[in-house]
PDB file of N, CA and C in Angstrom:
ATOM      1  N   UNK A   1      99.078 104.670 124.752  1.00  0.00           N
ATOM      2  CA  UNK A   1      99.347 103.224 125.081  1.00  0.00           C
ATOM      3  C   UNK A   1     100.776 103.242 125.622  1.00  0.00           C
ATOM      4  N   UNK A   2     101.321 102.604 126.585  1.00  0.00           N
ATOM      5  CA  UNK A   2     102.754 102.600 126.795  1.00  0.00           C
ATOM      6  C   UNK A   2     103.196 101.143 126.451  1.00  0.00           C
ATOM      7  N   UNK A   3     104.130 100.889 125.820  1.00  0.00           N
ATOM      8  CA  UNK A   3     104.869  99.780 125.234  1.00  0.00           C
ATOM      9  C   UNK A   3     106.068  99.474 126.117  1.00  0.00           C
ATOM     10  N   UNK A   4     106.342  98.831 126.962  1.00  0.00           N
ATOM     11  CA  UNK A   4     107.315  98.611 127.704  1.00  0.00           C
ATOM     12  C   UNK A   4     108.275  97.202 127.088  1.00  0.00           C
ATOM     13  N   UNK A   5     109.158  97.413 126.436  1.00  0.00           N
ATOM     14  CA  UNK A   5     109.995  96.648 125.696  1.00  0.00           C
ATOM     15  C   UNK A   5     111.618  96.939 125.465  1.00  0.00           C
ATOM     16  N   UNK A   6     112.479  96.134 125.381  1.00  0.00           N
ATOM     17  CA  UNK A   6     113.670  96.481 125.419  1.00  0.00           C
ATOM     18  C   UNK A   6     114.155  96.825 123.627  1.00  0.00           C
ATOM     19  N   UNK A   7     113.083  96.472 122.850  1.00  0.00           N
ATOM     20  CA  UNK A   7     113.384  96.568 121.430  1.00  0.00           C
ATOM     21  C   UNK A   7     113.125  98.132 120.888  1.00  0.00           C
ATOM     22  N   UNK A   8     113.996  98.417 119.811  1.00  0.00           N
ATOM     23  CA  UNK A   8     113.817  99.794 119.350  1.00  0.00           C
ATOM     24  C   UNK A   8     112.403  99.882 118.495  1.00  0.00           C
ATOM     25  N   UNK A   9     112.137 101.285 118.844  1.00  0.00           N
ATOM     26  CA  UNK A   9     110.650 101.447 118.328  1.00  0.00           C
ATOM     27  C   UNK A   9     110.532 101.150 116.659  1.00  0.00           C
ATOM     28  N   UNK A  10     111.578 101.201 116.079  1.00  0.00           N
ATOM     29  CA  UNK A  10     111.809 100.988 114.497  1.00  0.00           C
ATOM     30  C   UNK A  10     111.402  99.279 114.485  1.00  0.00           C
ATOM     31  N   UNK A  11     111.677  98.420 115.361  1.00  0.00           N
ATOM     32  CA  UNK A  11     111.339  97.102 115.159  1.00  0.00           C
ATOM     33  C   UNK A  11     110.001  96.747 115.796  1.00  0.00           C
ATOM     34  N   UNK A  12     109.494  97.360 116.658  1.00  0.00           N
ATOM     35  CA  UNK A  12     108.268  97.207 116.912  1.00  0.00           C
ATOM     36  C   UNK A  12     107.230  97.501 116.080  1.00  0.00           C
ATOM     37  N   UNK A  13     107.359  98.772 115.354  1.00  0.00           N
ATOM     38  CA  UNK A  13     106.494  99.369 114.323  1.00  0.00           C
ATOM     39  C   UNK A  13     106.800  99.095 113.124  1.00  0.00           C
ATOM     40  N   UNK A  14     107.725  98.007 112.872  1.00  0.00           N
ATOM     41  CA  UNK A  14     107.946  97.518 111.348  1.00  0.00           C
ATOM     42  C   UNK A  14     106.601  96.871 110.853  1.00  0.00           C
ATOM     43  N   UNK A  15     106.327  97.398 109.510  1.00  0.00           N
ATOM     44  CA  UNK A  15     105.223  97.041 108.788  1.00  0.00           C
ATOM     45  C   UNK A  15     104.267  97.699 109.196  1.00  0.00           C
ATOM     46  N   UNK A  16     103.830  98.403 110.347  1.00  0.00           N
ATOM     47  CA  UNK A  16     102.560  99.029 110.660  1.00  0.00           C
ATOM     48  C   UNK A  16     102.168  99.769 109.686  1.00  0.00           C
ATOM     49  N   UNK A  17     102.816 100.519 108.825  1.00  0.00           N
ATOM     50  CA  UNK A  17     102.159 101.190 107.884  1.00  0.00           C
ATOM     51  C   UNK A  17     101.740 100.627 106.481  1.00  0.00           C
ATOM     52  N   UNK A  18     102.005  99.424 106.600  1.00  0.00           N
ATOM     53  CA  UNK A  18     101.926  98.644 105.156  1.00  0.00           C
ATOM     54  C   UNK A  18     100.487  97.954 105.117  1.00  0.00           C
ATOM     55  N   UNK A  19      99.499  98.231 105.976  1.00  0.00           N
ATOM     56  CA  UNK A  19      98.331  97.683 106.151  1.00  0.00           C
ATOM     57  C   UNK A  19      97.402  98.299 104.828  1.00  0.00           C
ATOM     58  N   UNK A  20      96.795  97.250 104.375  1.00  0.00           N
ATOM     59  CA  UNK A  20      95.829  97.682 103.210  1.00  0.00           C
ATOM     60  C   UNK A  20      94.357  97.584 103.819  1.00  0.00           C
ATOM     61  N   UNK A  21      93.666  98.727 103.505  1.00  0.00           N
ATOM     62  CA  UNK A  21      92.368  98.821 103.961  1.00  0.00           C
ATOM     63  C   UNK A  21      91.340  98.448 102.974  1.00  0.00           C
ATOM     64  N   UNK A  22      90.179  98.046 103.437  1.00  0.00           N
ATOM     65  CA  UNK A  22      89.359  97.710 102.303  1.00  0.00           C
ATOM     66  C   UNK A  22      88.400  99.140 101.935  1.00  0.00           C
ATOM     67  N   UNK A  23      87.951  98.796 100.542  1.00  0.00           N
ATOM     68  CA  UNK A  23      87.470  99.893 100.024  1.00  0.00           C
ATOM     69  C   UNK A  23      86.016  99.778 100.194  1.00  0.00           C
ATOM     70  N   UNK A  24      85.282 100.628 100.879  1.00  0.00           N
ATOM     71  CA  UNK A  24      83.725 100.611 101.072  1.00  0.00           C
ATOM     72  C   UNK A  24      83.066 101.715 100.108  1.00  0.00           C
ATOM     73  N   UNK A  25      81.914 101.419  99.945  1.00  0.00           N
ATOM     74  CA  UNK A  25      81.019 102.392  99.213  1.00  0.00           C
ATOM     75  C   UNK A  25      79.415 102.260  99.673  1.00  0.00           C
ATOM     76  N   UNK A  26      78.668 102.999  99.391  1.00  0.00           N
ATOM     77  CA  UNK A  26      77.300 102.923  99.923  1.00  0.00           C
ATOM     78  C   UNK A  26      76.504 102.670  98.509  1.00  0.00           C
ATOM     79  N   UNK A  27      75.559 101.782  98.538  1.00  0.00           N
ATOM     80  CA  UNK A  27      74.684 101.457  97.541  1.00  0.00           C
ATOM     81  C   UNK A  27      73.266 100.963  98.111  1.00  0.00           C
ATOM     82  N   UNK A  28      72.470 100.238  96.898  1.00  0.00           N
ATOM     83  CA  UNK A  28      71.356  99.620  97.306  1.00  0.00           C
ATOM     84  C   UNK A  28      71.492  98.328  96.652  1.00  0.00           C
ATOM     85  N   UNK A  29      70.618  97.580  97.513  1.00  0.00           N
ATOM     86  CA  UNK A  29      70.510  96.139  96.918  1.00  0.00           C
ATOM     87  C   UNK A  29      69.047  95.754  97.243  1.00  0.00           C
ATOM     88  N   UNK A  30      68.312  95.539  96.028  1.00  0.00           N
ATOM     89  CA  UNK A  30      66.764  95.382  96.202  1.00  0.00           C
ATOM     90  C   UNK A  30      66.143  96.527  96.732  1.00  0.00           C
ATOM     91  N   UNK A  31      66.555  97.700  96.553  1.00  0.00           N
ATOM     92  CA  UNK A  31      65.968  98.887  97.047  1.00  0.00           C
ATOM     93  C   UNK A  31      66.450  99.238  98.705  1.00  0.00           C
ATOM     94  N   UNK A  32      67.319  98.286  99.134  1.00  0.00           N
ATOM     95  CA  UNK A  32      67.537  98.636 100.605  1.00  0.00           C
ATOM     96  C   UNK A  32      69.091  99.107 100.629  1.00  0.00           C
ATOM     97  N   UNK A  33      69.001 100.354 101.174  1.00  0.00           N
ATOM     98  CA  UNK A  33      70.431 100.874 101.402  1.00  0.00           C
ATOM     99  C   UNK A  33      71.367 100.067 102.415  1.00  0.00           C
ATOM    100  N   UNK A  34      72.643  99.700 101.759  1.00  0.00           N
ATOM    101  CA  UNK A  34      73.617  99.158 102.344  1.00  0.00           C
ATOM    102  C   UNK A  34      75.215  99.604 102.410  1.00  0.00           C
ATOM    103  N   UNK A  35      75.895  99.108 102.933  1.00  0.00           N
ATOM    104  CA  UNK A  35      77.242  99.255 102.674  1.00  0.00           C
ATOM    105  C   UNK A  35      77.984  98.310 102.067  1.00  0.00           C
ATOM    106  N   UNK A  36      78.743  98.798 101.008  1.00  0.00           N
ATOM    107  CA  UNK A  36      79.449  97.320 100.194  1.00  0.00           C
ATOM    108  C   UNK A  36      80.778  97.394 100.536  1.00  0.00           C
ATOM    109  N   UNK A  37      81.638  96.439 100.290  1.00  0.00           N
ATOM    110  CA  UNK A  37      83.069  96.352 100.254  1.00  0.00           C
ATOM    111  C   UNK A  37      83.498  95.766  98.968  1.00  0.00           C
ATOM    112  N   UNK A  38      84.242  96.378  98.455  1.00  0.00           N
ATOM    113  CA  UNK A  38      84.717  96.008  97.082  1.00  0.00           C
ATOM    114  C   UNK A  38      85.632  94.427  97.237  1.00  0.00           C
ATOM    115  N   UNK A  39      85.370  93.419  96.548  1.00  0.00           N
ATOM    116  CA  UNK A  39      86.031  92.256  96.714  1.00  0.00           C
ATOM    117  C   UNK A  39      87.275  92.373  95.605  1.00  0.00           C
ATOM    118  N   UNK A  40      88.025  91.208  95.631  1.00  0.00           N
ATOM    119  CA  UNK A  40      89.191  91.344  94.739  1.00  0.00           C
ATOM    120  C   UNK A  40      88.818  90.889  93.312  1.00  0.00           C
ATOM    121  N   UNK A  41      87.820  89.973  93.155  1.00  0.00           N
ATOM    122  CA  UNK A  41      87.257  89.591  91.849  1.00  0.00           C
ATOM    123  C   UNK A  41      86.493  90.638  91.269  1.00  0.00           C
ATOM    124  N   UNK A  42      86.231  91.923  91.747  1.00  0.00           N
ATOM    125  CA  UNK A  42      85.237  92.720  91.076  1.00  0.00           C
ATOM    126  C   UNK A  42      84.004  92.778  91.609  1.00  0.00           C
ATOM    127  N   UNK A  43      83.532  91.847  92.467  1.00  0.00           N
ATOM    128  CA  UNK A  43      82.265  91.723  92.978  1.00  0.00           C
ATOM    129  C   UNK A  43      82.313  92.678  94.368  1.00  0.00           C
ATOM    130  N   UNK A  44      81.172  92.834  94.830  1.00  0.00           N
ATOM    131  CA  UNK A  44      80.907  93.648  96.053  1.00  0.00           C
ATOM    132  C   UNK A  44      80.180  92.975  96.870  1.00  0.00           C
ATOM    133  N   UNK A  45      80.601  92.985  98.320  1.00  0.00           N
ATOM    134  CA  UNK A  45      79.921  92.261  99.344  1.00  0.00           C
ATOM    135  C   UNK A  45      79.283  93.135 100.362  1.00  0.00           C
ATOM    136  N   UNK A  46      77.875  92.718 100.664  1.00  0.00           N
ATOM    137  CA  UNK A  46      77.410  93.545 101.583  1.00  0.00           C
ATOM    138  C   UNK A  46      77.923  93.387 103.049  1.00  0.00           C
ATOM    139  N   UNK A  47      78.302  94.675 103.702  1.00  0.00           N
ATOM    140  CA  UNK A  47      78.984  94.744 105.130  1.00  0.00           C
ATOM    141  C   UNK A  47      77.778  95.078 106.071  1.00  0.00           C
ATOM    142  N   UNK A  48      77.069  95.891 105.833  1.00  0.00           N
ATOM    143  CA  UNK A  48      75.984  96.507 106.722  1.00  0.00           C
ATOM    144  C   UNK A  48      74.818  96.830 105.946  1.00  0.00           C
ATOM    145  N   UNK A  49      73.594  96.567 106.531  1.00  0.00           N
ATOM    146  CA  UNK A  49      72.218  97.213 105.980  1.00  0.00           C
ATOM    147  C   UNK A  49      72.229  98.654 106.731  1.00  0.00           C
ATOM    148  N   UNK A  50      72.101  99.791 105.969  1.00  0.00           N
ATOM    149  CA  UNK A  50      72.002 101.051 106.529  1.00  0.00           C
ATOM    150  C   UNK A  50      70.492 101.471 106.389  1.00  0.00           C
ATOM    151  N   UNK A  51      69.593 101.080 107.158  1.00  0.00           N
ATOM    152  CA  UNK A  51      68.293 101.338 107.088  1.00  0.00           C
ATOM    153  C   UNK A  51      67.792 101.231 108.542  1.00  0.00           C
ATOM    154  N   UNK A  52      66.633 102.046 108.763  1.00  0.00           N
ATOM    155  CA  UNK A  52      65.959 102.101 109.787  1.00  0.00           C
ATOM    156  C   UNK A  52      64.709 101.282 109.904  1.00  0.00           C
ATOM    157  N   UNK A  53      64.465 100.992 108.856  1.00  0.00           N
ATOM    158  CA  UNK A  53      62.960 100.296 108.463  1.00  0.00           C
ATOM    159  C   UNK A  53      63.320  98.652 108.925  1.00  0.00           C
ATOM    160  N   UNK A  54      62.401  98.377 109.768  1.00  0.00           N
ATOM    161  CA  UNK A  54      62.644  96.845 110.419  1.00  0.00           C
ATOM    162  C   UNK A  54      62.628  95.783 109.375  1.00  0.00           C
ATOM    163  N   UNK A  55      61.659  96.236 108.515  1.00  0.00           N
ATOM    164  CA  UNK A  55      61.298  95.253 107.467  1.00  0.00           C
ATOM    165  C   UNK A  55      62.471  94.872 106.528  1.00  0.00           C
ATOM    166  N   UNK A  56      63.629  95.708 106.484  1.00  0.00           N
ATOM    167  CA  UNK A  56      64.477  95.625 105.531  1.00  0.00           C
ATOM    168  C   UNK A  56      65.498  94.406 106.249  1.00  0.00           C
ATOM    169  N   UNK A  57      65.640  94.464 107.520  1.00  0.00           N
ATOM    170  CA  UNK A  57      66.431  93.311 108.141  1.00  0.00           C
ATOM    171  C   UNK A  57      65.770  92.068 108.054  1.00  0.00           C
ATOM    172  N   UNK A  58      64.469  92.067 108.106  1.00  0.00           N
ATOM    173  CA  UNK A  58      63.592  90.678 107.835  1.00  0.00           C
ATOM    174  C   UNK A  58      63.667  90.042 106.479  1.00  0.00           C
ATOM    175  N   UNK A  59      64.222  91.038 105.366  1.00  0.00           N
ATOM    176  CA  UNK A  59      64.278  90.576 104.069  1.00  0.00           C
ATOM    177  C   UNK A  59      65.420  89.486 103.794  1.00  0.00           C
ATOM    178  N   UNK A  60      65.062  88.341 103.718  1.00  0.00           N
ATOM    179  CA  UNK A  60      66.028  87.199 103.672  1.00  0.00           C
ATOM    180  C   UNK A  60      66.799  87.122 102.250  1.00  0.00           C
ATOM    181  N   UNK A  61      66.595  88.235 101.269  1.00  0.00           N
ATOM    182  CA  UNK A  61      67.256  88.349 100.177  1.00  0.00           C
ATOM    183  C   UNK A  61      68.384  89.306 100.081  1.00  0.00           C
ATOM    184  N   UNK A  62      68.558  90.044 101.344  1.00  0.00           N
ATOM    185  CA  UNK A  62      69.653  90.945 101.518  1.00  0.00           C
ATOM    186  C   UNK A  62      70.017  90.597 102.800  1.00  0.00           C
ATOM    187  N   UNK A  63      71.542  90.326 103.179  1.00  0.00           N
ATOM    188  CA  UNK A  63      72.142  90.194 104.401  1.00  0.00           C
ATOM    189  C   UNK A  63      73.436  90.371 104.308  1.00  0.00           C
ATOM    190  N   UNK A  64      74.190  90.674 105.491  1.00  0.00           N
ATOM    191  CA  UNK A  64      75.772  91.019 105.447  1.00  0.00           C
ATOM    192  C   UNK A  64      76.436  89.535 104.933  1.00  0.00           C
ATOM    193  N   UNK A  65      77.421  89.675 103.866  1.00  0.00           N
ATOM    194  CA  UNK A  65      78.261  88.741 103.440  1.00  0.00           C
ATOM    195  C   UNK A  65      77.633  88.478 102.049  1.00  0.00           C
ATOM    196  N   UNK A  66      76.627  88.733 101.731  1.00  0.00           N
ATOM    197  CA  UNK A  66      76.045  88.676 100.136  1.00  0.00           C
ATOM    198  C   UNK A  66      76.738  89.227  99.269  1.00  0.00           C
ATOM    199  N   UNK A  67      77.401  88.482  98.281  1.00  0.00           N
ATOM    200  CA  UNK A  67      77.958  88.913  97.044  1.00  0.00           C
ATOM    201  C   UNK A  67      76.934  89.565  96.028  1.00  0.00           C
ATOM    202  N   UNK A  68      77.548  90.605  95.430  1.00  0.00           N
ATOM    203  CA  UNK A  68      76.371  91.239  94.545  1.00  0.00           C
ATOM    204  C   UNK A  68      77.112  91.237  93.076  1.00  0.00           C
TER     205      UNK A  68
END
């Protein structure tokens, strides 16, 4: 990527490395493999259903955004 600017690179990239990234882990909810994100309050949130079984996606008890 080329960035055309009269600013110094230090000004443009200031704070670039200060990003915090979410912590992910794999787990199961009701026997369905999922990708979980750790929330600030200690709970875990379902990010993605990691299954090839179509019935798992039709299960109304497990969905992205669910707090466990």
